[in-house]
Amino acid sequence: MDEEPSDRPFDQPDRPGGDGRDEGGEPACLLARLCPSCDAVPDPGAAACWRCGTDLREGR
């Protein structure tokens, strides 16, 4: 079952972005985004943690 490289979505150099690489979504390391109190991953730009309510604006 040999596949041509162009049959795979990440090998499409004509896709927007130029080189055909899939940029993906979230960065690999989310440690910098964790809530300092409960380690939940809050939404980007959130003022408070969705889980424990800690103010995320302090110290940033």
PDB file of N, CA and C in Angstrom:
ATOM      1  N   MET A   1       0.839  -1.173   0.000  1.00  0.00           N
ATOM      2  CA  MET A   1       0.000   0.000   0.000  1.00  0.00           C
ATOM      3  C   MET A   1       0.886   1.239   0.000  1.00  0.00           C
ATOM      4  N   ASP A   2       1.551   1.479  -1.102  1.00  0.00           N
ATOM      5  CA  ASP A   2       2.438   2.631  -1.214  1.00  0.00           C
ATOM      6  C   ASP A   2       1.616   3.886  -1.472  1.00  0.00           C
ATOM      7  N   GLU A   3       1.984   4.938  -0.758  1.00  0.00           N
ATOM      8  CA  GLU A   3       1.294   6.208  -0.892  1.00  0.00           C
ATOM      9  C   GLU A   3       2.224   7.224  -1.515  1.00  0.00           C
ATOM     10  N   GLU A   4       1.717   7.979  -2.437  1.00  0.00           N
ATOM     11  CA  GLU A   4       2.498   9.073  -2.992  1.00  0.00           C
ATOM     12  C   GLU A   4       2.569  10.180  -1.941  1.00  0.00           C
ATOM     13  N   PRO A   5       3.704  10.837  -1.776  1.00  0.00           N
ATOM     14  CA  PRO A   5       3.808  11.896  -0.769  1.00  0.00           C
ATOM     15  C   PRO A   5       2.757  12.990  -0.929  1.00  0.00           C
ATOM     16  N   SER A   6       2.322  13.279  -2.135  1.00  0.00           N
ATOM     17  CA  SER A   6       1.329  14.336  -2.341  1.00  0.00           C
ATOM     18  C   SER A   6      -0.059  13.935  -1.851  1.00  0.00           C
ATOM     19  N   ASP A   7      -0.266  12.635  -1.530  1.00  0.00           N
ATOM     20  CA  ASP A   7      -1.552  12.189  -1.020  1.00  0.00           C
ATOM     21  C   ASP A   7      -1.745  12.545   0.455  1.00  0.00           C
ATOM     22  N   ARG A   8      -0.685  12.936   1.126  1.00  0.00           N
ATOM     23  CA  ARG A   8      -0.777  13.279   2.540  1.00  0.00           C
ATOM     24  C   ARG A   8      -0.912  14.788   2.678  1.00  0.00           C
ATOM     25  N   PRO A   9      -1.829  15.277   3.544  1.00  0.00           N
ATOM     26  CA  PRO A   9      -2.097  16.708   3.633  1.00  0.00           C
ATOM     27  C   PRO A   9      -0.889  17.547   4.033  1.00  0.00           C
ATOM     28  N   PHE A  10       0.069  16.985   4.784  1.00  0.00           N
ATOM     29  CA  PHE A  10       1.214  17.787   5.202  1.00  0.00           C
ATOM     30  C   PHE A  10       2.298  17.872   4.135  1.00  0.00           C
ATOM     31  N   ASP A  11       2.100  17.241   3.014  1.00  0.00           N
ATOM     32  CA  ASP A  11       3.062  17.305   1.912  1.00  0.00           C
ATOM     33  C   ASP A  11       2.483  18.041   0.711  1.00  0.00           C
ATOM     34  N   GLN A  12       1.710  19.056   0.946  1.00  0.00           N
ATOM     35  CA  GLN A  12       1.095  19.809  -0.132  1.00  0.00           C
ATOM     36  C   GLN A  12       1.713  21.197  -0.209  1.00  0.00           C
ATOM     37  N   PRO A  13       2.774  21.359  -0.990  1.00  0.00           N
ATOM     38  CA  PRO A  13       3.454  22.646  -1.040  1.00  0.00           C
ATOM     39  C   PRO A  13       2.616  23.773  -1.619  1.00  0.00           C
ATOM     40  N   ASP A  14       1.498  23.454  -2.281  1.00  0.00           N
ATOM     41  CA  ASP A  14       0.674  24.509  -2.855  1.00  0.00           C
ATOM     42  C   ASP A  14      -0.348  25.057  -1.861  1.00  0.00           C
ATOM     43  N   ARG A  15      -0.364  24.533  -0.647  1.00  0.00           N
ATOM     44  CA  ARG A  15      -1.269  25.045   0.384  1.00  0.00           C
ATOM     45  C   ARG A  15      -0.824  26.427   0.839  1.00  0.00           C
ATOM     46  N   PRO A  16      -1.753  27.259   1.335  1.00  0.00           N
ATOM     47  CA  PRO A  16      -1.345  28.553   1.881  1.00  0.00           C
ATOM     48  C   PRO A  16      -0.312  28.358   2.983  1.00  0.00           C
ATOM     49  N   GLY A  17       0.725  29.119   2.962  1.00  0.00           N
ATOM     50  CA  GLY A  17       1.800  28.963   3.934  1.00  0.00           C
ATOM     51  C   GLY A  17       3.102  28.591   3.259  1.00  0.00           C
ATOM     52  N   GLY A  18       3.025  28.090   2.038  1.00  0.00           N
ATOM     53  CA  GLY A  18       4.224  27.911   1.233  1.00  0.00           C
ATOM     54  C   GLY A  18       4.889  26.567   1.261  1.00  0.00           C
ATOM     55  N   ASP A  19       5.414  26.126   2.391  1.00  0.00           N
ATOM     56  CA  ASP A  19       6.256  24.930   2.372  1.00  0.00           C
ATOM     57  C   ASP A  19       5.480  23.632   2.595  1.00  0.00           C
ATOM     58  N   GLY A  20       4.163  23.698   2.836  1.00  0.00           N
ATOM     59  CA  GLY A  20       3.366  22.494   2.983  1.00  0.00           C
ATOM     60  C   GLY A  20       3.388  21.895   4.367  1.00  0.00           C
ATOM     61  N   ARG A  21       4.075  22.520   5.312  1.00  0.00           N
ATOM     62  CA  ARG A  21       4.113  21.987   6.667  1.00  0.00           C
ATOM     63  C   ARG A  21       2.827  22.353   7.396  1.00  0.00           C
ATOM     64  N   ASP A  22       2.347  21.425   8.181  1.00  0.00           N
ATOM     65  CA  ASP A  22       1.161  21.673   8.980  1.00  0.00           C
ATOM     66  C   ASP A  22       1.605  22.405  10.236  1.00  0.00           C
ATOM     67  N   GLU A  23       1.115  23.626  10.424  1.00  0.00           N
ATOM     68  CA  GLU A  23       1.554  24.431  11.557  1.00  0.00           C
ATOM     69  C   GLU A  23       0.922  23.978  12.865  1.00  0.00           C
ATOM     70  N   GLY A  24      -0.167  23.250  12.816  1.00  0.00           N
ATOM     71  CA  GLY A  24      -0.781  22.757  14.032  1.00  0.00           C
ATOM     72  C   GLY A  24      -1.512  23.837  14.803  1.00  0.00           C
ATOM     73  N   GLY A  25      -1.852  23.526  16.052  1.00  0.00           N
ATOM     74  CA  GLY A  25      -2.616  24.459  16.866  1.00  0.00           C
ATOM     75  C   GLY A  25      -1.814  25.010  18.026  1.00  0.00           C
ATOM     76  N   GLU A  26      -2.022  24.451  19.189  1.00  0.00           N
ATOM     77  CA  GLU A  26      -1.376  24.930  20.403  1.00  0.00           C
ATOM     78  C   GLU A  26       0.123  24.619  20.405  1.00  0.00           C
ATOM     79  N   PRO A  27       0.909  25.477  21.069  1.00  0.00           N
ATOM     80  CA  PRO A  27       2.332  25.164  21.219  1.00  0.00           C
ATOM     81  C   PRO A  27       2.510  23.903  22.061  1.00  0.00           C
ATOM     82  N   ALA A  28       3.633  23.265  21.931  1.00  0.00           N
ATOM     83  CA  ALA A  28       3.879  22.003  22.628  1.00  0.00           C
ATOM     84  C   ALA A  28       3.905  22.169  24.140  1.00  0.00           C
ATOM     85  N   CYS A  29       4.391  23.265  24.629  1.00  0.00           N
ATOM     86  CA  CYS A  29       4.514  23.474  26.072  1.00  0.00           C
ATOM     87  C   CYS A  29       3.538  24.549  26.526  1.00  0.00           C
ATOM     88  N   LEU A  30       2.616  24.167  27.379  1.00  0.00           N
ATOM     89  CA  LEU A  30       1.630  25.103  27.903  1.00  0.00           C
ATOM     90  C   LEU A  30       1.943  25.527  29.336  1.00  0.00           C
ATOM     91  N   LEU A  31       3.122  25.181  29.860  1.00  0.00           N
ATOM     92  CA  LEU A  31       3.448  25.468  31.251  1.00  0.00           C
ATOM     93  C   LEU A  31       3.329  26.941  31.602  1.00  0.00           C
ATOM     94  N   ALA A  32       3.688  27.819  30.684  1.00  0.00           N
ATOM     95  CA  ALA A  32       3.630  29.253  30.969  1.00  0.00           C
ATOM     96  C   ALA A  32       2.196  29.750  31.085  1.00  0.00           C
ATOM     97  N   ARG A  33       1.242  28.991  30.580  1.00  0.00           N
ATOM     98  CA  ARG A  33      -0.155  29.416  30.607  1.00  0.00           C
ATOM     99  C   ARG A  33      -0.940  28.826  31.768  1.00  0.00           C
ATOM    100  N   LEU A  34      -0.355  27.928  32.552  1.00  0.00           N
ATOM    101  CA  LEU A  34      -1.086  27.275  33.633  1.00  0.00           C
ATOM    102  C   LEU A  34      -1.465  28.251  34.735  1.00  0.00           C
ATOM    103  N   CYS A  35      -2.623  28.009  35.342  1.00  0.00           N
ATOM    104  CA  CYS A  35      -3.043  28.775  36.508  1.00  0.00           C
ATOM    105  C   CYS A  35      -2.062  28.473  37.636  1.00  0.00           C
ATOM    106  N   PRO A  36      -1.536  29.495  38.331  1.00  0.00           N
ATOM    107  CA  PRO A  36      -0.570  29.252  39.398  1.00  0.00           C
ATOM    108  C   PRO A  36      -1.168  28.561  40.621  1.00  0.00           C
ATOM    109  N   SER A  37      -2.488  28.562  40.762  1.00  0.00           N
ATOM    110  CA  SER A  37      -3.124  27.952  41.929  1.00  0.00           C
ATOM    111  C   SER A  37      -3.573  26.515  41.710  1.00  0.00           C
ATOM    112  N   CYS A  38      -4.170  26.234  40.535  1.00  0.00           N
ATOM    113  CA  CYS A  38      -4.755  24.902  40.349  1.00  0.00           C
ATOM    114  C   CYS A  38      -4.242  24.167  39.109  1.00  0.00           C
ATOM    115  N   ASP A  39      -3.347  24.793  38.343  1.00  0.00           N
ATOM    116  CA  ASP A  39      -2.747  24.186  37.149  1.00  0.00           C
ATOM    117  C   ASP A  39      -3.718  23.956  35.999  1.00  0.00           C
ATOM    118  N   ALA A  40      -4.891  24.603  36.016  1.00  0.00           N
ATOM    119  CA  ALA A  40      -5.806  24.533  34.868  1.00  0.00           C
ATOM    120  C   ALA A  40      -5.201  25.356  33.731  1.00  0.00           C
ATOM    121  N   VAL A  41      -5.624  25.088  32.508  1.00  0.00           N
ATOM    122  CA  VAL A  41      -5.176  25.868  31.355  1.00  0.00           C
ATOM    123  C   VAL A  41      -6.302  26.843  30.997  1.00  0.00           C
ATOM    124  N   PRO A  42      -6.167  28.099  31.409  1.00  0.00           N
ATOM    125  CA  PRO A  42      -7.225  29.076  31.112  1.00  0.00           C
ATOM    126  C   PRO A  42      -7.209  29.514  29.657  1.00  0.00           C
ATOM    127  N   ASP A  43      -8.308  30.094  29.213  1.00  0.00           N
ATOM    128  CA  ASP A  43      -8.387  30.636  27.858  1.00  0.00           C
ATOM    129  C   ASP A  43      -7.391  31.777  27.719  1.00  0.00           C
ATOM    130  N   PRO A  44      -6.789  31.950  26.534  1.00  0.00           N
ATOM    131  CA  PRO A  44      -5.856  33.054  26.322  1.00  0.00           C
ATOM    132  C   PRO A  44      -6.525  34.400  26.626  1.00  0.00           C
ATOM    133  N   GLY A  45      -5.867  35.231  27.410  1.00  0.00           N
ATOM    134  CA  GLY A  45      -6.370  36.557  27.741  1.00  0.00           C
ATOM    135  C   GLY A  45      -7.393  36.582  28.861  1.00  0.00           C
ATOM    136  N   ALA A  46      -7.673  35.431  29.480  1.00  0.00           N
ATOM    137  CA  ALA A  46      -8.661  35.387  30.557  1.00  0.00           C
ATOM    138  C   ALA A  46      -8.164  36.173  31.765  1.00  0.00           C
ATOM    139  N   ALA A  47      -9.079  36.875  32.436  1.00  0.00           N
ATOM    140  CA  ALA A  47      -8.738  37.654  33.623  1.00  0.00           C
ATOM    141  C   ALA A  47      -8.718  36.780  34.871  1.00  0.00           C
ATOM    142  N   ALA A  48      -9.506  35.709  34.853  1.00  0.00           N
ATOM    143  CA  ALA A  48      -9.579  34.822  36.013  1.00  0.00           C
ATOM    144  C   ALA A  48      -9.616  33.369  35.535  1.00  0.00           C
ATOM    145  N   CYS A  49      -9.125  32.480  36.378  1.00  0.00           N
ATOM    146  CA  CYS A  49      -9.127  31.042  36.071  1.00  0.00           C
ATOM    147  C   CYS A  49     -10.561  30.525  36.072  1.00  0.00           C
ATOM    148  N   TRP A  50     -10.898  29.723  35.090  1.00  0.00           N
ATOM    149  CA  TRP A  50     -12.243  29.167  34.985  1.00  0.00           C
ATOM    150  C   TRP A  50     -12.522  28.154  36.089  1.00  0.00           C
ATOM    151  N   ARG A  51     -11.468  27.527  36.622  1.00  0.00           N
ATOM    152  CA  ARG A  51     -11.664  26.481  37.621  1.00  0.00           C
ATOM    153  C   ARG A  51     -11.720  27.026  39.048  1.00  0.00           C
ATOM    154  N   CYS A  52     -10.738  27.838  39.432  1.00  0.00           N
ATOM    155  CA  CYS A  52     -10.650  28.253  40.833  1.00  0.00           C
ATOM    156  C   CYS A  52     -10.898  29.747  41.047  1.00  0.00           C
ATOM    157  N   GLY A  53     -10.948  30.539  39.969  1.00  0.00           N
ATOM    158  CA  GLY A  53     -11.232  31.963  40.097  1.00  0.00           C
ATOM    159  C   GLY A  53     -10.033  32.846  40.394  1.00  0.00           C
ATOM    160  N   THR A  54      -8.834  32.283  40.429  1.00  0.00           N
ATOM    161  CA  THR A  54      -7.627  33.077  40.685  1.00  0.00           C
ATOM    162  C   THR A  54      -7.472  34.166  39.655  1.00  0.00           C
ATOM    163  N   ASP A  55      -7.117  35.379  40.113  1.00  0.00           N
ATOM    164  CA  ASP A  55      -6.885  36.504  39.211  1.00  0.00           C
ATOM    165  C   ASP A  55      -5.595  36.238  38.437  1.00  0.00           C
ATOM    166  N   LEU A  56      -5.712  36.137  37.125  1.00  0.00           N
ATOM    167  CA  LEU A  56      -4.554  35.809  36.280  1.00  0.00           C
ATOM    168  C   LEU A  56      -3.811  37.048  35.797  1.00  0.00           C
ATOM    169  N   ARG A  57      -4.320  38.238  36.091  1.00  0.00           N
ATOM    170  CA  ARG A  57      -3.675  39.471  35.653  1.00  0.00           C
ATOM    171  C   ARG A  57      -2.517  39.868  36.549  1.00  0.00           C
ATOM    172  N   GLU A  58      -2.463  39.343  37.764  1.00  0.00           N
ATOM    173  CA  GLU A  58      -1.391  39.691  38.705  1.00  0.00           C
ATOM    174  C   GLU A  58      -0.075  39.087  38.253  1.00  0.00           C
ATOM    175  N   GLY A  59       0.970  39.895  38.259  1.00  0.00           N
ATOM    176  CA  GLY A  59       2.318  39.410  37.949  1.00  0.00           C
ATOM    177  C   GLY A  59       2.577  39.119  36.505  1.00  0.00           C
ATOM    178  N   ARG A  60       1.720  39.547  35.612  1.00  0.00           N
ATOM    179  CA  ARG A  60       1.950  39.292  34.184  1.00  0.00           C
ATOM    180  C   ARG A  60       2.144  40.563  33.449  1.00  0.00           C
TER     181      ARG A  60
END
